[in-house]
N, C-alpha and C. Protein backbone atom coordinates (compact mmCIF):
# COMPACT_ATOMS: atom_id res chain seq x y z
N MET A 1 21.80 6.10 -31.97
CA MET A 1 21.31 5.48 -30.74
C MET A 1 22.49 4.37 -29.80
N THR A 2 22.76 4.47 -28.81
CA THR A 2 23.63 3.52 -27.80
C THR A 2 22.99 2.54 -27.38
N LYS A 3 23.89 1.45 -27.71
CA LYS A 3 23.37 0.16 -27.20
C LYS A 3 23.97 0.20 -25.70
N HIS A 4 23.24 -0.88 -25.30
CA HIS A 4 24.15 -0.98 -23.72
C HIS A 4 24.26 -2.42 -23.67
N PRO A 5 25.43 -3.47 -24.11
CA PRO A 5 26.20 -4.13 -24.07
C PRO A 5 25.48 -5.30 -22.53
N TYR A 6 25.77 -4.45 -21.46
CA TYR A 6 25.47 -4.82 -20.34
C TYR A 6 24.23 -5.69 -20.21
N LEU A 7 23.12 -4.58 -20.34
CA LEU A 7 22.01 -4.88 -20.09
C LEU A 7 21.50 -6.21 -21.32
N ARG A 8 21.86 -6.14 -22.05
CA ARG A 8 21.51 -7.18 -23.29
C ARG A 8 22.13 -8.69 -22.32
N TYR A 9 23.04 -8.91 -22.03
CA TYR A 9 24.12 -9.84 -21.25
C TYR A 9 23.30 -10.27 -20.28
N SER A 10 23.21 -9.29 -19.63
CA SER A 10 22.30 -10.00 -18.27
C SER A 10 20.63 -9.75 -18.52
N MET A 11 20.18 -9.73 -19.42
CA MET A 11 18.94 -10.32 -19.62
C MET A 11 19.13 -11.26 -20.55
N ALA A 12 19.89 -11.84 -21.15
CA ALA A 12 20.26 -13.12 -21.93
C ALA A 12 20.70 -14.21 -20.61
N LEU A 13 21.57 -13.38 -20.02
CA LEU A 13 22.11 -14.86 -18.59
C LEU A 13 20.72 -15.20 -17.90
N GLY A 14 19.84 -14.27 -17.61
CA GLY A 14 18.96 -14.65 -16.58
C GLY A 14 17.92 -15.28 -17.36
N ALA A 15 16.96 -15.18 -19.00
CA ALA A 15 16.79 -15.71 -19.70
C ALA A 15 17.19 -17.15 -19.48
N CYS A 16 18.69 -17.43 -19.85
CA CYS A 16 19.15 -18.97 -19.12
C CYS A 16 19.05 -19.22 -18.18
N LEU A 17 19.00 -18.86 -16.87
CA LEU A 17 18.89 -19.52 -15.89
C LEU A 17 17.38 -19.49 -15.50
N GLY A 18 16.40 -19.15 -16.23
CA GLY A 18 15.37 -18.99 -15.89
C GLY A 18 14.25 -17.58 -14.97
N ALA A 19 15.40 -17.19 -14.86
CA ALA A 19 14.66 -15.59 -14.27
C ALA A 19 13.91 -14.87 -14.83
N PRO A 20 13.18 -13.78 -14.31
CA PRO A 20 12.92 -13.18 -15.43
C PRO A 20 13.44 -11.91 -15.39
N ALA A 21 13.63 -11.16 -16.71
CA ALA A 21 14.01 -9.94 -16.58
C ALA A 21 13.74 -9.21 -16.44
N PHE A 22 12.90 -8.73 -15.84
CA PHE A 22 12.29 -7.86 -14.55
C PHE A 22 11.96 -8.18 -13.90
N ALA A 23 11.72 -7.86 -12.81
CA ALA A 23 11.51 -7.69 -11.28
C ALA A 23 9.78 -7.90 -11.22
N ALA A 24 9.39 -8.46 -10.34
CA ALA A 24 8.07 -8.60 -10.03
C ALA A 24 7.16 -7.45 -9.28
N GLY A 25 6.43 -6.89 -9.49
CA GLY A 25 5.81 -5.69 -8.30
C GLY A 25 4.22 -6.03 -8.24
N LEU A 26 3.89 -4.72 -7.38
CA LEU A 26 2.81 -4.95 -6.80
C LEU A 26 1.91 -3.41 -7.00
N GLY A 27 1.03 -3.28 -7.87
CA GLY A 27 0.36 -1.90 -7.90
C GLY A 27 -0.61 -1.58 -7.39
N VAL A 28 -1.04 -0.42 -6.33
CA VAL A 28 -2.93 -0.38 -5.65
C VAL A 28 -3.16 0.72 -5.85
N VAL A 29 -4.31 0.96 -6.54
CA VAL A 29 -4.84 2.34 -6.29
C VAL A 29 -5.80 1.99 -5.28
N VAL A 30 -5.80 3.21 -4.90
CA VAL A 30 -6.89 3.48 -3.54
C VAL A 30 -7.65 4.93 -4.12
N GLU A 31 -9.26 4.55 -3.91
CA GLU A 31 -9.60 5.91 -4.30
C GLU A 31 -10.02 6.29 -3.10
N ILE A 32 -10.44 7.48 -2.84
CA ILE A 32 -11.13 8.27 -1.91
C ILE A 32 -12.42 8.46 -2.46
N PRO A 33 -13.44 8.51 -2.17
CA PRO A 33 -14.46 9.43 -2.50
C PRO A 33 -14.75 10.50 -2.40
N ARG A 34 -15.19 11.35 -3.04
CA ARG A 34 -15.80 12.86 -2.92
C ARG A 34 -17.35 12.57 -2.32
N LEU A 35 -17.47 13.00 -1.08
CA LEU A 35 -18.50 13.02 -0.13
C LEU A 35 -19.28 13.94 -0.05
N GLN A 36 -20.68 14.25 0.19
CA GLN A 36 -21.08 15.47 0.04
C GLN A 36 -21.68 15.85 1.66
N VAL A 37 -20.63 16.19 2.01
CA VAL A 37 -21.03 16.51 3.97
C VAL A 37 -20.66 18.11 4.20
N ALA A 38 -21.49 18.08 5.33
CA ALA A 38 -21.25 19.95 5.47
C ALA A 38 -19.67 19.82 6.21
N GLU A 39 -19.46 19.00 7.15
CA GLU A 39 -18.03 19.19 7.54
C GLU A 39 -17.08 18.15 6.88
N TYR A 40 -15.97 18.47 5.79
CA TYR A 40 -14.73 16.98 5.11
C TYR A 40 -13.77 17.40 5.53
N HIS A 41 -13.36 16.52 6.17
CA HIS A 41 -12.11 16.65 6.25
C HIS A 41 -11.13 15.56 5.23
N ARG A 42 -10.26 15.43 4.99
CA ARG A 42 -9.64 14.24 4.14
C ARG A 42 -9.08 12.96 5.12
N PRO A 43 -9.61 11.95 4.95
CA PRO A 43 -9.19 10.84 5.76
C PRO A 43 -7.53 10.57 5.87
N TYR A 44 -7.19 9.95 7.02
CA TYR A 44 -5.85 9.21 7.24
C TYR A 44 -6.19 7.74 6.69
N VAL A 45 -4.98 7.75 5.87
CA VAL A 45 -5.26 5.97 5.32
C VAL A 45 -4.08 5.29 5.60
N ALA A 46 -4.08 4.15 5.66
CA ALA A 46 -2.83 2.96 5.81
C ALA A 46 -3.11 2.08 5.01
N VAL A 47 -2.01 2.03 4.26
CA VAL A 47 -1.99 0.44 3.39
C VAL A 47 -0.86 -0.53 4.11
N TRP A 48 -1.31 -1.71 3.97
CA TRP A 48 -0.40 -2.66 4.83
C TRP A 48 -0.98 -4.18 3.90
N VAL A 49 0.36 -5.01 4.27
CA VAL A 49 0.19 -6.50 3.82
C VAL A 49 -0.09 -7.00 5.01
N GLU A 50 -0.60 -8.18 5.01
CA GLU A 50 -0.95 -9.24 6.43
C GLU A 50 -0.89 -10.28 5.90
N ARG A 51 -0.12 -11.10 6.81
CA ARG A 51 -0.51 -12.36 7.03
C ARG A 51 -1.36 -13.66 7.20
N PRO A 52 -1.91 -14.38 6.67
CA PRO A 52 -3.01 -15.24 7.30
C PRO A 52 -3.37 -15.49 9.08
N ASP A 53 -2.14 -15.24 9.70
CA ASP A 53 -2.68 -15.06 11.24
C ASP A 53 -2.46 -13.84 11.58
N ALA A 54 -2.77 -12.81 10.63
CA ALA A 54 -2.99 -10.88 11.32
C ALA A 54 -2.56 -10.25 11.67
N THR A 55 -0.93 -11.24 11.34
CA THR A 55 0.25 -10.25 11.67
C THR A 55 0.54 -9.32 10.70
N VAL A 56 1.20 -8.23 10.73
CA VAL A 56 1.60 -7.23 10.24
C VAL A 56 2.66 -8.02 8.80
N ALA A 57 2.87 -8.08 8.12
CA ALA A 57 4.31 -8.55 7.12
C ALA A 57 4.80 -7.10 6.71
N THR A 58 4.24 -6.07 6.19
CA THR A 58 4.79 -4.77 5.75
C THR A 58 3.92 -3.47 5.82
N THR A 59 4.01 -2.47 6.35
CA THR A 59 3.41 -1.24 5.88
C THR A 59 3.88 -0.88 4.54
N LEU A 60 2.76 -0.54 3.90
CA LEU A 60 3.15 0.10 2.32
C LEU A 60 3.03 1.52 2.20
N ALA A 61 1.85 2.18 3.28
CA ALA A 61 1.84 3.91 3.07
C ALA A 61 0.88 3.66 4.05
N VAL A 62 1.32 5.37 4.73
CA VAL A 62 0.10 5.64 5.90
C VAL A 62 0.02 7.23 5.14
N TRP A 63 -1.10 7.58 5.19
CA TRP A 63 -0.86 9.18 5.02
C TRP A 63 -1.34 9.90 6.11
N TYR A 64 -1.56 10.90 6.46
CA TYR A 64 -1.88 11.57 8.13
C TYR A 64 -1.61 12.97 7.80
N ASP A 65 -1.97 13.88 8.43
CA ASP A 65 -1.41 15.22 8.31
C ASP A 65 -0.31 15.57 9.25
N VAL A 66 0.72 15.60 8.29
CA VAL A 66 1.94 15.59 8.79
C VAL A 66 2.71 17.22 9.06
N LYS A 67 1.53 17.81 8.67
CA LYS A 67 2.15 19.51 8.89
C LYS A 67 1.63 20.15 10.07
N LEU A 68 0.54 19.41 11.11
CA LEU A 68 0.25 19.98 12.02
C LEU A 68 1.44 20.32 12.95
N LYS A 69 1.32 21.24 13.99
CA LYS A 69 2.26 22.28 14.61
C LYS A 69 2.66 20.59 15.63
N ASN A 70 3.51 20.83 16.47
CA ASN A 70 4.08 19.81 17.14
C ASN A 70 4.09 18.07 16.97
N ALA A 71 3.77 17.75 15.42
CA ALA A 71 3.42 16.38 15.43
C ALA A 71 1.91 15.71 15.50
N GLU A 72 1.16 16.80 16.15
CA GLU A 72 -0.16 16.56 16.25
C GLU A 72 -0.92 15.94 15.75
N GLY A 73 -0.24 15.93 14.27
CA GLY A 73 -1.25 14.33 13.34
C GLY A 73 -1.09 13.35 13.53
N THR A 74 -0.37 13.15 14.53
CA THR A 74 0.09 11.48 14.76
C THR A 74 -0.88 11.68 16.06
N LYS A 75 -1.42 12.43 16.64
CA LYS A 75 -2.31 11.84 17.80
C LYS A 75 -3.48 11.10 16.89
N TRP A 76 -3.75 11.46 15.73
CA TRP A 76 -5.24 10.53 15.51
C TRP A 76 -4.70 9.58 14.54
N LEU A 77 -3.65 8.79 14.33
CA LEU A 77 -3.64 7.67 13.62
C LEU A 77 -4.05 6.71 14.46
N LYS A 78 -4.29 6.74 15.57
CA LYS A 78 -5.33 5.40 16.56
C LYS A 78 -6.29 5.64 15.63
N ASP A 79 -7.01 6.36 15.18
CA ASP A 79 -8.16 6.33 14.51
C ASP A 79 -7.97 5.26 13.54
N MET A 80 -7.49 4.90 13.29
CA MET A 80 -7.29 3.81 12.40
C MET A 80 -6.82 2.24 12.87
N ARG A 81 -8.07 1.96 13.17
CA ARG A 81 -7.64 1.01 14.68
C ARG A 81 -6.90 -0.12 14.59
N GLN A 82 -7.62 -0.73 13.20
CA GLN A 82 -6.94 -2.07 12.76
C GLN A 82 -5.56 -2.13 12.54
N TRP A 83 -4.79 -1.05 12.13
CA TRP A 83 -3.41 -0.86 11.39
C TRP A 83 -3.23 -0.12 12.69
N TRP A 84 -3.45 0.49 13.27
CA TRP A 84 -2.57 0.87 14.75
C TRP A 84 -2.75 -0.41 15.78
N ARG A 85 -3.76 -0.76 15.72
CA ARG A 85 -3.31 -1.99 17.13
C ARG A 85 -2.82 -3.21 16.66
N ARG A 86 -2.44 -3.24 14.82
CA ARG A 86 -1.12 -4.72 14.68
C ARG A 86 0.17 -3.92 14.68
N THR A 87 0.07 -2.69 14.27
CA THR A 87 1.55 -2.28 14.00
C THR A 87 1.87 -0.61 14.10
N GLY A 88 1.15 -0.09 14.21
CA GLY A 88 0.92 1.32 13.93
C GLY A 88 1.42 2.14 15.38
N ARG A 89 1.17 1.43 16.34
CA ARG A 89 1.82 2.04 17.75
C ARG A 89 3.24 1.58 18.09
N GLU A 90 3.76 0.68 17.07
CA GLU A 90 4.99 0.23 17.12
C GLU A 90 6.00 1.11 16.17
N LEU A 91 5.54 1.89 15.63
CA LEU A 91 5.95 2.63 14.71
C LEU A 91 6.24 4.08 15.40
N SER A 92 7.27 4.28 14.80
CA SER A 92 8.10 5.64 15.33
C SER A 92 7.80 6.57 13.88
N MET A 93 6.93 7.93 13.82
CA MET A 93 6.46 8.24 12.76
C MET A 93 7.71 10.06 12.68
N PRO A 94 7.72 10.40 11.44
CA PRO A 94 7.15 9.89 10.10
C PRO A 94 8.27 8.69 9.50
N VAL A 95 7.74 7.78 9.20
CA VAL A 95 8.47 6.59 8.16
C VAL A 95 9.15 7.17 7.03
N ASP A 96 10.52 6.73 6.64
CA ASP A 96 10.81 7.24 5.24
C ASP A 96 10.36 6.35 4.32
N GLY A 97 9.95 6.46 3.27
CA GLY A 97 9.08 6.14 1.83
C GLY A 97 8.18 5.32 2.45
N VAL A 98 7.13 5.47 3.65
CA VAL A 98 5.80 4.79 3.84
C VAL A 98 5.07 5.94 4.32
N THR A 99 4.95 7.23 4.87
CA THR A 99 4.38 8.37 5.77
C THR A 99 4.62 9.40 4.58
N GLY A 100 3.19 9.86 4.37
CA GLY A 100 2.97 10.82 3.45
C GLY A 100 1.59 11.76 3.73
N PRO A 101 1.90 12.94 3.36
CA PRO A 101 0.39 14.14 3.65
C PRO A 101 -1.05 13.07 3.24
N THR A 102 -2.15 13.68 3.55
CA THR A 102 -3.27 13.04 3.10
C THR A 102 -3.50 13.39 1.78
N ARG A 103 -4.51 12.63 1.33
CA ARG A 103 -4.31 12.84 0.09
C ARG A 103 -6.30 13.45 -0.52
N PRO A 104 -6.74 14.13 -1.31
CA PRO A 104 -7.60 14.85 -1.80
C PRO A 104 -8.61 13.48 -2.60
N ALA A 105 -9.99 14.09 -2.47
CA ALA A 105 -10.38 12.91 -3.16
C ALA A 105 -10.13 12.53 -4.68
N GLY A 106 -10.26 11.07 -5.19
CA GLY A 106 -9.99 11.01 -6.54
C GLY A 106 -8.70 9.36 -6.09
N ARG A 107 -8.55 9.11 -7.40
CA ARG A 107 -7.78 7.41 -7.38
C ARG A 107 -5.97 7.79 -7.37
N HIS A 108 -5.68 7.30 -6.16
CA HIS A 108 -4.28 7.52 -5.79
C HIS A 108 -3.47 5.95 -6.39
N GLN A 109 -2.58 5.92 -6.79
CA GLN A 109 -1.45 5.16 -7.42
C GLN A 109 -0.19 4.88 -6.96
N LEU A 110 -0.45 3.47 -6.58
CA LEU A 110 1.48 3.41 -5.27
C LEU A 110 2.14 2.09 -6.51
N GLN A 111 2.93 2.12 -6.36
CA GLN A 111 3.76 1.34 -7.02
C GLN A 111 5.13 0.21 -5.93
N PHE A 112 5.39 -1.05 -6.62
CA PHE A 112 6.09 -1.14 -5.20
C PHE A 112 6.91 -2.48 -6.18
N THR A 113 8.60 -2.51 -6.21
CA THR A 113 9.13 -3.71 -6.88
C THR A 113 9.45 -4.83 -5.78
N GLU A 114 9.52 -5.82 -6.61
CA GLU A 114 10.01 -7.25 -5.54
C GLU A 114 11.21 -6.99 -5.38
N GLY A 115 11.90 -7.28 -3.90
CA GLY A 115 13.61 -7.27 -3.92
C GLY A 115 13.30 -5.50 -3.52
N ALA A 116 12.85 -4.76 -3.50
CA ALA A 116 13.04 -3.16 -2.80
C ALA A 116 11.85 -2.68 -1.73
N HIS A 117 12.60 -2.20 -0.94
CA HIS A 117 11.73 -1.66 0.35
C HIS A 117 10.17 -1.44 -0.27
N PRO A 118 9.05 -1.60 0.13
CA PRO A 118 9.21 -2.36 1.84
C PRO A 118 8.52 -3.93 0.83
N LEU A 119 9.01 -4.21 0.32
CA LEU A 119 8.81 -5.75 -0.36
C LEU A 119 9.90 -6.54 -0.25
N ALA A 120 11.30 -6.18 0.60
CA ALA A 120 12.08 -6.87 0.35
C ALA A 120 12.13 -8.16 0.94
N GLN A 121 11.41 -7.86 1.90
CA GLN A 121 11.65 -9.08 3.14
C GLN A 121 10.59 -9.93 2.83
N LEU A 122 9.44 -9.52 1.93
CA LEU A 122 8.21 -10.58 1.89
C LEU A 122 8.56 -11.87 1.29
N PRO A 123 8.10 -12.50 2.16
CA PRO A 123 8.69 -13.94 1.32
C PRO A 123 7.34 -14.88 0.84
N ALA A 124 7.65 -15.91 -0.30
CA ALA A 124 6.29 -16.32 -1.12
C ALA A 124 5.36 -16.87 0.08
N GLY A 125 3.98 -16.82 -0.19
CA GLY A 125 2.95 -17.18 0.59
C GLY A 125 1.91 -16.48 0.05
N ASN A 126 0.81 -16.31 1.24
CA ASN A 126 -0.67 -16.05 0.88
C ASN A 126 -0.62 -14.93 1.93
N TYR A 127 -0.97 -13.90 1.32
CA TYR A 127 -1.24 -12.88 2.21
C TYR A 127 -2.55 -11.75 1.73
N LYS A 128 -3.41 -10.79 2.58
CA LYS A 128 -4.06 -10.14 2.44
C LYS A 128 -3.60 -8.37 1.93
N LEU A 129 -3.81 -8.03 1.29
CA LEU A 129 -3.81 -6.70 1.06
C LEU A 129 -4.69 -5.89 2.07
N MET A 130 -4.36 -5.04 2.82
CA MET A 130 -5.14 -4.17 3.64
C MET A 130 -5.28 -2.67 3.74
N VAL A 131 -6.26 -2.32 3.60
CA VAL A 131 -6.68 -0.61 3.20
C VAL A 131 -7.73 0.16 4.27
N GLU A 132 -7.06 1.02 4.88
CA GLU A 132 -7.52 1.43 6.11
C GLU A 132 -8.10 2.88 6.12
N ALA A 133 -9.49 3.52 6.34
CA ALA A 133 -9.45 5.01 6.37
C ALA A 133 -10.05 5.26 7.37
N ALA A 134 -9.64 6.33 7.90
CA ALA A 134 -10.82 7.19 9.24
C ALA A 134 -10.89 8.24 8.69
N ARG A 135 -11.65 8.92 8.90
CA ARG A 135 -11.71 10.44 8.96
C ARG A 135 -12.48 11.45 9.77
N GLU A 136 -11.86 12.11 10.25
CA GLU A 136 -12.76 13.40 11.69
C GLU A 136 -13.95 13.91 11.01
N VAL A 137 -14.94 13.73 11.58
CA VAL A 137 -16.31 14.13 11.73
C VAL A 137 -16.64 13.18 10.22
N GLY A 138 -16.18 11.97 10.47
CA GLY A 138 -16.82 10.70 9.47
C GLY A 138 -16.47 9.86 10.14
N GLY A 139 -16.47 8.90 9.39
CA GLY A 139 -16.25 7.09 9.51
C GLY A 139 -15.05 6.42 9.67
N ARG A 140 -15.29 5.59 9.57
CA ARG A 140 -13.92 4.54 9.60
C ARG A 140 -14.18 3.47 8.58
N GLU A 141 -13.23 2.37 7.62
CA GLU A 141 -13.60 2.24 6.78
C GLU A 141 -12.13 1.11 6.14
N LEU A 142 -12.86 -0.38 6.39
CA LEU A 142 -11.38 -1.23 6.04
C LEU A 142 -11.84 -2.52 5.21
N VAL A 143 -11.19 -2.73 3.76
CA VAL A 143 -11.37 -3.16 2.71
C VAL A 143 -9.85 -4.01 2.95
N SER A 144 -10.24 -5.20 2.40
CA SER A 144 -9.37 -6.29 2.00
C SER A 144 -9.43 -6.92 1.08
N ILE A 145 -8.16 -7.62 0.41
CA ILE A 145 -7.85 -8.21 -0.64
C ILE A 145 -6.82 -9.25 -0.92
N PRO A 146 -7.42 -10.51 -0.23
CA PRO A 146 -6.37 -11.75 -0.63
C PRO A 146 -5.87 -11.61 -1.59
N PHE A 147 -4.31 -12.44 -2.08
CA PHE A 147 -3.20 -12.50 -2.63
C PHE A 147 -2.33 -13.59 -2.48
N ALA A 148 -1.82 -14.22 -3.43
CA ALA A 148 -0.66 -15.12 -3.50
C ALA A 148 0.63 -14.03 -3.88
N TRP A 149 1.83 -14.26 -3.03
CA TRP A 149 3.07 -13.13 -3.42
C TRP A 149 4.34 -14.50 -3.17
N PRO A 150 4.94 -14.82 -4.34
CA PRO A 150 4.92 -14.15 -5.70
C PRO A 150 3.80 -14.18 -6.44
N ALA A 151 3.57 -13.32 -7.61
CA ALA A 151 2.36 -13.56 -8.44
C ALA A 151 3.03 -14.71 -9.73
N ALA A 152 2.07 -15.66 -10.04
CA ALA A 152 2.50 -16.63 -11.37
C ALA A 152 1.82 -16.04 -12.22
N LYS A 153 1.24 -14.97 -12.19
CA LYS A 153 0.73 -14.45 -13.75
C LYS A 153 0.25 -12.90 -13.01
N ALA A 154 -0.06 -12.31 -14.15
CA ALA A 154 -0.11 -10.87 -14.25
C ALA A 154 -1.99 -11.34 -13.73
N GLU A 155 -1.96 -10.18 -12.59
CA GLU A 155 -3.83 -10.58 -12.08
C GLU A 155 -4.00 -8.75 -11.29
N ARG A 156 -5.65 -8.96 -11.87
CA ARG A 156 -5.95 -7.52 -11.41
C ARG A 156 -7.19 -8.20 -10.63
N LEU A 157 -7.09 -7.86 -9.13
CA LEU A 157 -7.98 -8.05 -8.20
C LEU A 157 -8.55 -6.46 -7.71
N ALA A 158 -9.25 -6.50 -7.36
CA ALA A 158 -10.07 -5.22 -6.92
C ALA A 158 -11.12 -5.77 -5.01
N ALA A 159 -11.76 -4.54 -4.48
CA ALA A 159 -12.74 -4.53 -3.46
C ALA A 159 -13.51 -3.10 -3.67
N LYS A 160 -14.31 -3.09 -2.89
CA LYS A 160 -14.93 -1.85 -2.73
C LYS A 160 -15.12 -1.58 -1.80
N GLY A 161 -15.18 0.01 -1.32
CA GLY A 161 -15.78 0.32 0.06
C GLY A 161 -17.05 0.65 -0.28
N SER A 162 -18.00 0.90 1.18
CA SER A 162 -19.20 1.26 0.85
C SER A 162 -19.12 3.03 0.91
N ALA A 163 -18.26 3.86 1.65
CA ALA A 163 -18.54 5.14 2.91
C ALA A 163 -17.34 6.02 2.13
N GLU A 164 -16.15 5.14 3.39
CA GLU A 164 -15.27 6.21 3.37
C GLU A 164 -13.88 5.66 2.53
N LEU A 165 -14.17 5.04 1.41
CA LEU A 165 -13.26 4.01 0.96
C LEU A 165 -14.00 3.80 -0.34
N GLY A 166 -13.67 3.95 -1.71
CA GLY A 166 -14.15 3.33 -3.17
C GLY A 166 -13.21 2.30 -3.35
N GLU A 167 -13.36 2.40 -4.62
CA GLU A 167 -12.19 1.29 -5.20
C GLU A 167 -11.28 0.94 -4.83
N VAL A 168 -10.64 -0.37 -4.30
CA VAL A 168 -9.54 -0.55 -4.04
C VAL A 168 -8.89 -1.61 -5.36
N THR A 169 -7.61 -1.45 -6.03
CA THR A 169 -7.15 -2.30 -6.98
C THR A 169 -6.08 -2.39 -6.58
N LEU A 170 -5.92 -3.88 -6.69
CA LEU A 170 -4.61 -4.89 -6.26
C LEU A 170 -4.18 -5.52 -7.74
N GLU A 171 -2.97 -4.82 -8.28
CA GLU A 171 -2.24 -5.45 -9.58
C GLU A 171 -1.11 -6.07 -9.46
N LEU A 172 -0.93 -7.29 -9.84
CA LEU A 172 -0.13 -8.51 -9.37
C LEU A 172 0.81 -8.30 -10.88
N LYS A 173 2.11 -8.42 -10.72
CA LYS A 173 3.00 -8.36 -12.06
C LYS A 173 3.89 -9.54 -11.58
N PRO A 174 4.13 -10.64 -12.47
CA PRO A 174 4.94 -11.81 -12.13
C PRO A 174 6.72 -10.96 -12.39
């Protein structure tokens, strides 16, 4: 087994300086429920962090139909009204590391590390995790979870949607 002296010394130095050995993080789990409807379409979903004044601090994820011809999928992003009005209309799609295809029913996990994109510029303070879903021939739903950043302790927070979203979980890691 190979020893890594640089890692050992950097961890020791971090401990001496009072810094954590590993970066803080934020984990999000978004549940898309299986709906029993005649015509089912996967929902468009936006996940973002909002400041207390309702301005967007950062967009974490946007799931939409990326494979439609002539970028037709972007036409329906405005159905996620809150996200669209606050920041979506200002973005040029696709956004590297943020946008991706729609997801099927089930639980979908996202992981973010403090200091790395998209949390790189997130200063300490109080925020809300916002998750919005909109579905063709369906409804629209918005779920929010208030939290403080950076996390002082490991914490698991959750909120539950009523139709288009299931449970949304926010896991904070100091």
